[in-house]
Amino acid sequence: MVLKIFPAGEDRNFTTVYVQDSDELNSQDEGSIVLFQETLKQSKAPVEIEIKSLGQSLMKALFKEVKKSQRVRNIKLNFGLNGVNELNQALIELSQVLLLPTCSIESLEISILPKTDLQPLVQALKQNNSLNSLRLATFEFLALGIDHLSGLLEVLAQGNNKGALTVKNAITTLHLINFSVEPSKDSFRLLMETMKKLECFVFIASRFFPRPLLSQLKDCQRLSSLTLGGLDFCENPEPFRELGRNLPAYLERLVLSSHHINASVGRVTTSLYEGAIALLENCSPEASFHLIVKELFNYPMPESSKLERIRELLKNKKIALSSLYLTYPPVEALNQQALLLTALAEIKRNQFYKKNAGLHQPTACHSDEKVDENMPLEQLESLLISRIEGISCSPCPSEEESALFSYKTEARDRFFPRPSHLLENEEKQKENSNKFFL
């Protein structure tokens, strides 16, 4: 057995354990289990486990240790195309853990195969109180329908075993990746009932996007985060218009994603930017959420006219937009941020001159200029930068310029993010600069 352990750190919230069978007979399997056992005992951070292949005896030994621990939060099962027997065994062992009253597992990620037996998991979910996130994915070319998930969806639609849904004992996050949907089947009805109980839903369509799903979104009052992939395969922007008309009332985050396979081979029919225009033209004037356009690196570059149209539509809305080619914060948020930055700039300014008592202190600039909805983006940026600097434009020593430049950069990057290729260039320029940063 191959065991790889990555401790938690600044860039990692979990201690991550990767488990995989060795290609050769391994006499160290017992030692690996002991190491796994010690990892669960000694880790101060929550633990996530990803299993890619494992024999039956080692599977039992591994989950025996998981049963004893309350540090495991996430489990990922990904056995590949030929691992259906291993996957079924893992689901049996996993289900026994989920049935424990001391179970600490909060998130599951499972790669589904055509002959996957989900019944043990279905029975366990009827009693489990810890799980809140479920990610189910399959290979696109398998063309698995969500009717394969009917048992799971029925449990999710009903809530817990008492028939009452509470935040504590219900799955609130569901990801369905590469499953096909036939609206005429009962599994579609179960999916719609499940969606009404979710706070976060991710659906990446396989082949064809089920448009009837869009009209049901308005009934999903608990939904605050929604990700949809595959809408760019539609022949026209009408599905985006329908999406705009049916957005959940309390939505905070909407992600439009390009299809991760087909978009790369030129099968995009309606660009996500064209779709974003149709959506913005049809959503409620009171809508307030963060729209993220998530295109692939080789996604067709949008026409400048489309970007300008999106800017125009966003002027009078409380909608923020993030994408590779355009970032636009809502006016209301800019006003609030400007007030916060004014106070922050004054604090930073006082700290700087307290630390450098010998420097001449220019007069603070208290501009009452408000952010206007018709103000050009460049002027908005200039205004926010002046707030974060918090001083007049009079000449000042180079030390002051260096310190204020760092504040200016921080404000710009926070509210006006650059595309990744520009950020890389700026980092290179920064490395070559001899400027002093406070």
Protein backbone atom coordinates (compact mmCIF):
# COMPACT_ATOMS: atom_id res chain seq x y z
CA MET A 1 0.00 0.00 0.00
CA VAL A 2 1.27 3.46 -0.91
CA LEU A 3 0.50 6.11 1.70
CA LYS A 4 1.22 9.80 1.04
CA ILE A 5 0.62 12.30 3.83
CA PHE A 6 0.57 16.08 3.38
CA PRO A 7 0.33 17.98 6.69
CA ALA A 8 -1.87 21.04 7.06
CA GLY A 9 -0.13 24.37 6.54
CA GLU A 10 -0.66 27.96 5.49
CA ASP A 11 -2.08 26.88 2.13
CA ARG A 12 -3.78 23.70 3.36
CA ASN A 13 -6.56 23.52 5.97
CA PHE A 14 -6.53 19.73 6.14
CA THR A 15 -4.02 16.98 6.72
CA THR A 16 -4.42 15.09 3.43
CA VAL A 17 -3.83 11.34 3.15
CA TYR A 18 -3.60 9.67 -0.29
CA VAL A 19 -4.06 5.90 -0.29
CA GLN A 20 -3.30 3.62 -3.24
CA ASP A 21 -2.36 -0.02 -3.82
CA SER A 22 1.25 -0.67 -4.68
CA ASP A 23 2.08 -2.28 -8.03
CA GLU A 24 4.24 -4.81 -6.21
CA LEU A 25 3.64 -7.08 -3.22
CA ASN A 26 4.33 -4.90 -0.22
CA SER A 27 5.46 -6.36 3.08
CA GLN A 28 5.14 -2.91 4.66
CA ASP A 29 1.32 -2.79 4.54
CA GLU A 30 1.07 -3.33 8.29
CA GLY A 31 3.50 -0.49 8.87
CA SER A 32 1.46 1.75 6.57
CA ILE A 33 -1.67 1.06 8.62
CA VAL A 34 0.24 1.95 11.81
CA LEU A 35 1.43 5.17 10.16
CA PHE A 36 -2.15 5.95 9.11
CA GLN A 37 -3.32 5.25 12.67
CA GLU A 38 -0.71 7.63 14.11
CA THR A 39 -1.61 10.31 11.57
CA LEU A 40 -5.22 10.26 12.73
CA LYS A 41 -4.11 10.44 16.36
CA GLN A 42 -1.45 13.12 16.03
CA SER A 43 -2.96 15.48 13.45
CA LYS A 44 -4.12 18.72 15.03
CA ALA A 45 -5.92 19.69 11.82
CA PRO A 46 -8.96 17.88 10.36
CA VAL A 47 -8.07 14.99 8.05
CA GLU A 48 -9.20 14.28 4.50
CA ILE A 49 -8.64 10.89 2.86
CA GLU A 50 -8.50 10.12 -0.86
CA ILE A 51 -8.55 6.45 -1.88
CA LYS A 52 -7.69 5.53 -5.48
CA SER A 53 -7.30 1.75 -5.20
CA LEU A 54 -7.13 -0.71 -2.34
CA GLY A 55 -7.63 -4.44 -1.76
CA GLN A 56 -10.42 -5.79 0.44
CA SER A 57 -8.32 -6.64 3.52
CA LEU A 58 -6.52 -3.30 3.51
CA MET A 59 -9.83 -1.53 2.91
CA LYS A 60 -11.25 -3.11 6.07
CA ALA A 61 -8.14 -2.23 8.07
CA LEU A 62 -8.19 1.37 6.85
CA PHE A 63 -11.84 2.00 7.67
CA LYS A 64 -11.41 0.26 11.03
CA GLU A 65 -9.08 3.10 11.97
CA VAL A 66 -11.46 5.70 10.51
CA LYS A 67 -14.21 4.37 12.80
CA LYS A 68 -12.04 5.08 15.84
CA SER A 69 -11.21 8.66 14.84
CA GLN A 70 -13.24 11.83 14.99
CA ARG A 71 -10.67 13.83 13.00
CA VAL A 72 -11.74 12.66 9.53
CA ARG A 73 -13.86 15.30 7.78
CA ASN A 74 -13.63 14.51 4.06
CA ILE A 75 -13.44 11.22 2.15
CA LYS A 76 -12.87 10.91 -1.61
CA LEU A 77 -13.37 7.64 -3.49
CA ASN A 78 -11.98 7.55 -7.02
CA PHE A 79 -11.20 4.02 -8.24
CA GLY A 80 -11.11 4.58 -12.00
CA LEU A 81 -13.00 2.74 -14.73
CA ASN A 82 -11.99 -0.77 -13.64
CA GLY A 83 -12.47 -0.32 -9.92
CA VAL A 84 -16.20 -0.94 -9.47
CA ASN A 85 -15.67 -3.92 -7.12
CA GLU A 86 -13.26 -1.93 -4.95
CA LEU A 87 -15.68 1.01 -4.97
CA ASN A 88 -18.59 -1.16 -3.85
CA GLN A 89 -16.47 -2.59 -1.03
CA ALA A 90 -15.42 0.91 0.01
CA LEU A 91 -19.06 2.05 0.08
CA ILE A 92 -19.96 -0.84 2.40
CA GLU A 93 -17.14 0.07 4.80
CA LEU A 94 -17.88 3.79 4.53
CA SER A 95 -21.57 3.26 5.27
CA GLN A 96 -20.71 1.52 8.54
CA VAL A 97 -18.74 4.61 9.57
CA LEU A 98 -21.62 6.93 8.62
CA LEU A 99 -23.99 4.96 10.85
CA LEU A 100 -21.91 5.63 13.97
CA PRO A 101 -23.32 8.31 16.30
CA THR A 102 -19.75 9.63 16.68
CA CYS A 103 -19.21 9.99 12.90
CA SER A 104 -17.36 13.23 12.06
CA ILE A 105 -17.39 12.99 8.24
CA GLU A 106 -18.84 16.15 6.68
CA SER A 107 -18.07 15.76 2.99
CA LEU A 108 -18.05 12.87 0.49
CA GLU A 109 -16.74 12.82 -3.08
CA ILE A 110 -17.52 9.69 -5.10
CA SER A 111 -16.75 8.83 -8.73
CA ILE A 112 -19.75 6.77 -9.86
CA LEU A 113 -19.48 3.82 -12.29
CA PRO A 114 -22.36 2.04 -14.13
CA LYS A 115 -22.46 -0.94 -11.73
CA THR A 116 -21.90 1.00 -8.53
CA ASP A 117 -24.10 -0.30 -5.71
CA LEU A 118 -25.26 2.78 -3.81
CA GLN A 119 -27.75 0.98 -1.58
CA PRO A 120 -25.45 0.78 1.50
CA LEU A 121 -24.85 4.53 1.23
CA VAL A 122 -28.59 5.18 0.79
CA GLN A 123 -29.39 3.31 4.01
CA ALA A 124 -26.60 5.07 5.92
CA LEU A 125 -27.77 8.54 4.86
CA LYS A 126 -31.18 7.87 6.39
CA GLN A 127 -29.55 7.94 9.83
CA ASN A 128 -26.36 9.96 9.46
CA ASN A 129 -26.25 13.36 11.20
CA SER A 130 -22.80 14.64 10.24
CA LEU A 131 -22.73 14.80 6.44
CA ASN A 132 -23.49 18.15 4.80
CA SER A 133 -21.79 17.95 1.40
CA LEU A 134 -22.00 15.31 -1.34
CA ARG A 135 -20.15 15.40 -4.66
CA LEU A 136 -21.09 12.75 -7.23
CA ALA A 137 -19.27 12.64 -10.56
CA THR A 138 -18.96 10.25 -13.48
CA PHE A 139 -17.07 10.02 -16.75
CA GLU A 140 -18.89 11.94 -19.47
CA PHE A 141 -18.59 9.21 -22.10
CA LEU A 142 -20.42 6.76 -19.79
CA ALA A 143 -23.60 8.83 -20.23
CA LEU A 144 -24.98 7.85 -16.83
CA GLY A 145 -28.40 9.29 -16.06
CA ILE A 146 -29.44 10.65 -12.67
CA ASP A 147 -31.95 7.79 -12.48
CA HIS A 148 -28.85 5.83 -11.35
CA LEU A 149 -28.98 8.08 -8.26
CA SER A 150 -32.73 7.76 -7.60
CA GLY A 151 -32.29 6.07 -4.22
CA LEU A 152 -29.95 8.79 -2.99
CA LEU A 153 -32.14 11.59 -4.34
CA GLU A 154 -35.18 10.13 -2.62
CA VAL A 155 -33.40 10.25 0.74
CA LEU A 156 -32.14 13.78 0.11
CA ALA A 157 -35.57 14.96 -0.98
CA GLN A 158 -37.18 13.61 2.19
CA GLY A 159 -34.58 14.85 4.63
CA ASN A 160 -33.68 12.67 7.61
CA ASN A 161 -35.27 9.43 8.74
CA LYS A 162 -37.89 11.32 10.73
CA GLY A 163 -39.01 13.16 7.63
CA ALA A 164 -38.02 16.58 8.97
CA LEU A 165 -35.21 18.62 7.46
CA THR A 166 -32.91 20.58 9.75
CA VAL A 167 -29.63 22.34 9.13
CA LYS A 168 -27.86 19.89 11.45
CA ASN A 169 -28.77 16.62 9.78
CA ALA A 170 -29.33 17.43 6.12
CA ILE A 171 -27.04 17.65 3.10
CA THR A 172 -27.03 21.30 2.06
CA THR A 173 -24.38 21.08 -0.69
CA LEU A 174 -24.78 18.81 -3.73
CA HIS A 175 -22.53 18.51 -6.80
CA LEU A 176 -23.67 16.49 -9.82
CA ILE A 177 -20.98 16.27 -12.50
CA ASN A 178 -21.50 14.78 -15.99
CA PHE A 179 -24.86 13.12 -15.35
CA SER A 180 -27.57 13.26 -18.00
CA VAL A 181 -31.10 14.27 -17.03
CA GLU A 182 -34.38 13.21 -18.63
CA PRO A 183 -37.18 15.49 -17.35
CA SER A 184 -39.80 12.83 -18.12
CA LYS A 185 -38.36 10.43 -15.52
CA ASP A 186 -39.22 10.30 -11.82
CA SER A 187 -35.59 10.94 -10.93
CA PHE A 188 -35.98 14.48 -12.29
CA ARG A 189 -38.87 15.14 -9.88
CA LEU A 190 -36.71 13.86 -7.01
CA LEU A 191 -33.90 16.16 -8.09
CA MET A 192 -36.26 19.15 -8.06
CA GLU A 193 -37.45 18.27 -4.55
CA THR A 194 -33.85 17.88 -3.41
CA MET A 195 -32.86 21.27 -4.83
CA LYS A 196 -35.45 23.00 -2.64
CA LYS A 197 -33.52 21.85 0.43
CA LEU A 198 -30.06 22.87 -0.77
CA GLU A 199 -27.97 25.94 -0.02
CA CYS A 200 -25.34 25.16 -2.66
CA PHE A 201 -25.95 23.30 -5.93
CA VAL A 202 -23.44 22.52 -8.69
CA PHE A 203 -24.71 20.92 -11.89
CA ILE A 204 -22.42 20.27 -14.87
CA ALA A 205 -24.51 18.83 -17.68
CA SER A 206 -23.54 15.90 -19.85
CA ARG A 207 -24.24 16.47 -23.56
CA PHE A 208 -27.51 18.39 -23.25
CA PHE A 209 -28.57 20.83 -20.55
CA PRO A 210 -32.04 20.01 -19.14
CA ARG A 211 -33.85 23.32 -19.62
CA PRO A 212 -36.86 22.35 -17.42
CA LEU A 213 -34.45 22.53 -14.49
CA LEU A 214 -34.16 26.31 -14.98
CA SER A 215 -37.84 27.04 -14.46
CA GLN A 216 -37.73 25.25 -11.08
CA LEU A 217 -34.98 27.41 -9.62
CA LYS A 218 -37.34 30.14 -8.41
CA ASP A 219 -38.78 27.64 -5.91
CA CYS A 220 -35.36 26.99 -4.35
CA GLN A 221 -35.62 29.62 -1.63
CA ARG A 222 -32.70 28.29 0.42
CA LEU A 223 -30.26 28.31 -2.50
CA SER A 224 -27.49 30.88 -2.02
CA SER A 225 -24.81 29.44 -4.35
CA LEU A 226 -25.49 28.01 -7.82
CA THR A 227 -23.06 26.69 -10.46
CA LEU A 228 -24.28 25.64 -13.90
CA GLY A 229 -22.12 24.14 -16.64
CA GLY A 230 -23.13 23.26 -20.18
CA LEU A 231 -25.46 26.16 -20.95
CA ASP A 232 -22.98 27.30 -23.59
CA PHE A 233 -24.02 24.29 -25.71
CA CYS A 234 -27.50 25.71 -26.23
CA GLU A 235 -28.28 26.89 -29.75
CA ASN A 236 -29.35 30.36 -28.61
CA PRO A 237 -29.30 32.55 -25.46
CA GLU A 238 -32.91 31.71 -24.51
CA PRO A 239 -31.89 29.36 -21.63
CA PHE A 240 -29.87 32.22 -20.13
CA ARG A 241 -32.93 34.46 -20.34
CA GLU A 242 -34.97 31.78 -18.61
CA LEU A 243 -32.30 31.48 -15.95
CA GLY A 244 -32.41 35.24 -15.36
CA ARG A 245 -36.19 35.19 -14.92
CA ASN A 246 -36.08 32.28 -12.44
CA LEU A 247 -33.13 33.06 -10.18
CA PRO A 248 -33.71 32.18 -6.51
CA ALA A 249 -34.63 35.18 -4.39
CA TYR A 250 -31.72 34.85 -1.95
CA LEU A 251 -28.99 33.87 -4.39
CA GLU A 252 -25.57 35.27 -3.45
CA ARG A 253 -23.29 33.56 -5.96
CA LEU A 254 -23.92 32.38 -9.54
CA VAL A 255 -21.21 30.63 -11.57
CA LEU A 256 -21.60 30.08 -15.31
CA SER A 257 -19.06 27.45 -16.31
CA SER A 258 -17.91 26.35 -19.75
CA HIS A 259 -18.06 22.61 -20.32
CA HIS A 260 -14.71 21.17 -19.30
CA ILE A 261 -14.41 18.77 -22.27
CA ASN A 262 -16.47 19.81 -25.24
CA ALA A 263 -15.68 23.52 -25.04
CA SER A 264 -12.04 22.65 -25.70
CA VAL A 265 -12.84 21.09 -29.07
CA GLY A 266 -14.81 23.99 -30.48
CA ARG A 267 -18.39 22.86 -29.79
CA VAL A 268 -19.42 26.05 -27.99
CA THR A 269 -22.64 27.41 -29.52
CA THR A 270 -23.55 30.35 -27.28
CA SER A 271 -20.66 32.13 -25.56
CA LEU A 272 -20.90 32.60 -21.82
CA TYR A 273 -20.59 36.36 -22.33
CA GLU A 274 -23.51 36.40 -24.73
CA GLY A 275 -25.35 34.33 -22.15
CA ALA A 276 -24.40 36.75 -19.37
CA ILE A 277 -25.93 39.60 -21.37
CA ALA A 278 -29.18 37.67 -21.81
CA LEU A 279 -29.23 36.82 -18.11
CA LEU A 280 -28.59 40.41 -16.96
CA GLU A 281 -31.28 41.74 -19.30
CA ASN A 282 -33.87 39.45 -17.71
CA CYS A 283 -33.01 39.26 -13.99
CA SER A 284 -34.89 41.26 -11.39
CA PRO A 285 -33.79 44.89 -10.81
CA GLU A 286 -33.51 43.98 -7.11
CA ALA A 287 -31.19 41.04 -7.75
CA SER A 288 -27.97 41.22 -5.74
CA PHE A 289 -25.35 38.51 -6.26
CA HIS A 290 -21.83 37.80 -7.50
CA LEU A 291 -21.80 36.56 -11.09
CA ILE A 292 -18.71 34.53 -12.04
CA VAL A 293 -18.03 33.66 -15.67
CA LYS A 294 -15.68 30.68 -15.53
CA GLU A 295 -14.28 30.01 -18.98
CA LEU A 296 -11.48 27.65 -19.96
CA PHE A 297 -8.05 28.95 -20.95
CA ASN A 298 -8.85 28.21 -24.62
CA TYR A 299 -12.41 29.54 -24.48
CA PRO A 300 -13.25 31.94 -27.37
CA MET A 301 -12.26 35.51 -26.49
CA PRO A 302 -15.35 37.74 -26.21
CA GLU A 303 -15.92 40.65 -28.57
CA SER A 304 -15.30 44.08 -27.05
CA SER A 305 -18.89 45.08 -27.86
CA LYS A 306 -20.17 42.28 -25.59
CA LEU A 307 -17.97 43.43 -22.72
CA GLU A 308 -19.20 47.01 -23.13
CA ARG A 309 -22.80 45.82 -23.15
CA ILE A 310 -22.19 43.93 -19.89
CA ARG A 311 -20.65 47.06 -18.33
CA GLU A 312 -23.70 49.06 -19.37
CA LEU A 313 -26.12 46.51 -17.89
CA LEU A 314 -24.22 46.39 -14.59
CA LYS A 315 -24.24 50.15 -14.04
CA ASN A 316 -27.61 50.25 -12.30
CA LYS A 317 -27.50 46.81 -10.69
CA LYS A 318 -26.28 45.45 -7.37
CA ILE A 319 -24.45 42.67 -9.18
CA ALA A 320 -20.70 42.11 -9.11
CA LEU A 321 -19.04 40.29 -12.01
CA SER A 322 -15.77 38.39 -12.18
CA SER A 323 -14.25 36.85 -15.30
CA LEU A 324 -10.97 36.55 -17.12
CA TYR A 325 -11.68 39.58 -19.31
CA LEU A 326 -13.89 41.78 -17.12
CA THR A 327 -14.27 42.53 -13.42
CA TYR A 328 -16.97 44.89 -12.24
CA PRO A 329 -17.98 45.62 -8.62
CA PRO A 330 -21.46 47.02 -7.88
CA VAL A 331 -21.75 50.76 -7.19
CA GLU A 332 -23.33 50.26 -3.77
CA ALA A 333 -20.44 48.06 -2.69
CA LEU A 334 -17.92 50.62 -3.94
CA ASN A 335 -19.51 53.34 -1.80
CA GLN A 336 -19.35 51.13 1.28
CA GLN A 337 -15.77 50.13 0.51
CA ALA A 338 -14.78 53.76 -0.03
CA LEU A 339 -16.03 54.68 3.46
CA LEU A 340 -14.15 51.75 5.00
CA LEU A 341 -11.01 52.61 3.08
CA THR A 342 -11.16 56.22 4.25
CA ALA A 343 -11.05 55.07 7.87
CA LEU A 344 -8.43 52.42 7.13
CA ALA A 345 -6.22 54.93 5.30
CA GLU A 346 -6.31 57.31 8.26
CA ILE A 347 -5.23 54.52 10.63
CA LYS A 348 -2.46 53.34 8.29
CA ARG A 349 -1.31 56.92 7.77
CA ASN A 350 -1.09 57.63 11.51
CA GLN A 351 0.77 54.35 12.08
CA PHE A 352 3.28 55.25 9.37
CA TYR A 353 4.11 58.71 10.72
CA LYS A 354 4.19 57.46 14.32
CA LYS A 355 6.82 54.93 13.26
CA ASN A 356 8.71 57.54 11.20
CA ALA A 357 8.44 60.55 13.50
CA GLY A 358 11.08 62.56 11.66
CA LEU A 359 9.19 62.73 8.36
CA HIS A 360 7.12 65.73 7.32
CA GLN A 361 3.41 64.86 7.59
CA PRO A 362 1.28 66.28 4.73
CA THR A 363 -2.27 67.40 5.35
CA ALA A 364 -4.80 64.59 5.19
CA CYS A 365 -7.17 64.63 2.28
CA HIS A 366 -10.83 64.19 3.33
CA SER A 367 -12.61 64.06 0.01
CA ASP A 368 -16.40 64.02 0.15
CA GLU A 369 -16.60 62.84 -3.45
CA LYS A 370 -19.16 60.04 -3.79
CA VAL A 371 -19.05 57.11 -6.15
CA ASP A 372 -21.42 57.86 -9.00
CA GLU A 373 -23.12 55.13 -11.01
CA ASN A 374 -22.11 56.82 -14.29
CA MET A 375 -18.50 57.31 -13.24
CA PRO A 376 -16.00 55.62 -15.63
CA LEU A 377 -14.22 52.62 -14.19
CA GLU A 378 -10.85 54.39 -14.36
CA GLN A 379 -12.23 57.27 -12.26
CA LEU A 380 -13.67 54.80 -9.75
CA GLU A 381 -10.26 53.22 -9.39
CA SER A 382 -8.59 56.59 -8.95
CA LEU A 383 -11.10 57.61 -6.29
CA LEU A 384 -10.64 54.43 -4.27
CA ILE A 385 -6.87 54.72 -4.51
CA SER A 386 -7.03 58.30 -3.24
CA ARG A 387 -9.10 57.08 -0.29
CA ILE A 388 -6.65 54.34 0.59
CA GLU A 389 -3.71 56.74 0.33
CA GLY A 390 -5.56 59.27 2.47
CA ILE A 391 -3.14 62.16 1.82
CA SER A 392 -2.85 65.13 -0.52
CA CYS A 393 -0.99 64.92 -3.79
CA SER A 394 1.81 67.22 -2.61
CA PRO A 395 5.40 66.01 -3.08
CA CYS A 396 6.66 63.73 -0.30
CA PRO A 397 9.85 61.78 0.49
CA SER A 398 10.51 58.53 -1.31
CA GLU A 399 9.90 56.49 1.86
CA GLU A 400 6.36 57.83 2.00
CA GLU A 401 5.85 57.12 -1.68
CA SER A 402 7.01 53.54 -1.19
CA ALA A 403 4.71 52.93 1.75
CA LEU A 404 1.72 54.50 0.05
CA PHE A 405 2.44 52.60 -3.15
CA SER A 406 1.99 49.34 -1.24
CA TYR A 407 -1.41 50.52 0.07
CA LYS A 408 -2.40 51.62 -3.41
CA THR A 409 -1.46 48.24 -4.89
CA GLU A 410 -3.37 46.42 -2.15
CA ALA A 411 -6.51 48.47 -2.83
CA ARG A 412 -6.25 48.04 -6.59
CA ASP A 413 -5.76 44.28 -6.43
CA ARG A 414 -8.65 43.87 -3.99
CA PHE A 415 -11.27 45.82 -5.92
CA PHE A 416 -9.96 45.62 -9.48
CA PRO A 417 -8.37 42.15 -9.90
CA ARG A 418 -6.09 41.75 -12.91
CA PRO A 419 -6.12 38.76 -15.30
CA SER A 420 -3.55 36.13 -14.34
CA HIS A 421 -1.16 36.92 -17.22
CA LEU A 422 -0.97 40.59 -16.16
CA LEU A 423 -0.38 39.59 -12.54
CA GLU A 424 2.55 37.43 -13.61
CA ASN A 425 4.09 40.38 -15.49
CA GLU A 426 3.59 42.67 -12.50
CA GLU A 427 5.26 40.14 -10.18
CA LYS A 428 8.28 40.02 -12.47
CA GLN A 429 8.46 43.81 -12.52
CA LYS A 430 8.19 43.90 -8.73
CA GLU A 431 11.10 41.47 -8.39
CA ASN A 432 13.25 43.70 -10.58
CA SER A 433 12.34 46.85 -8.68
CA ASN A 434 14.57 48.29 -5.96
CA LYS A 435 11.71 50.12 -4.27
CA PHE A 436 11.35 49.83 -0.53
CA PHE A 437 8.01 48.47 0.70
CA LEU A 438 6.84 49.12 4.25
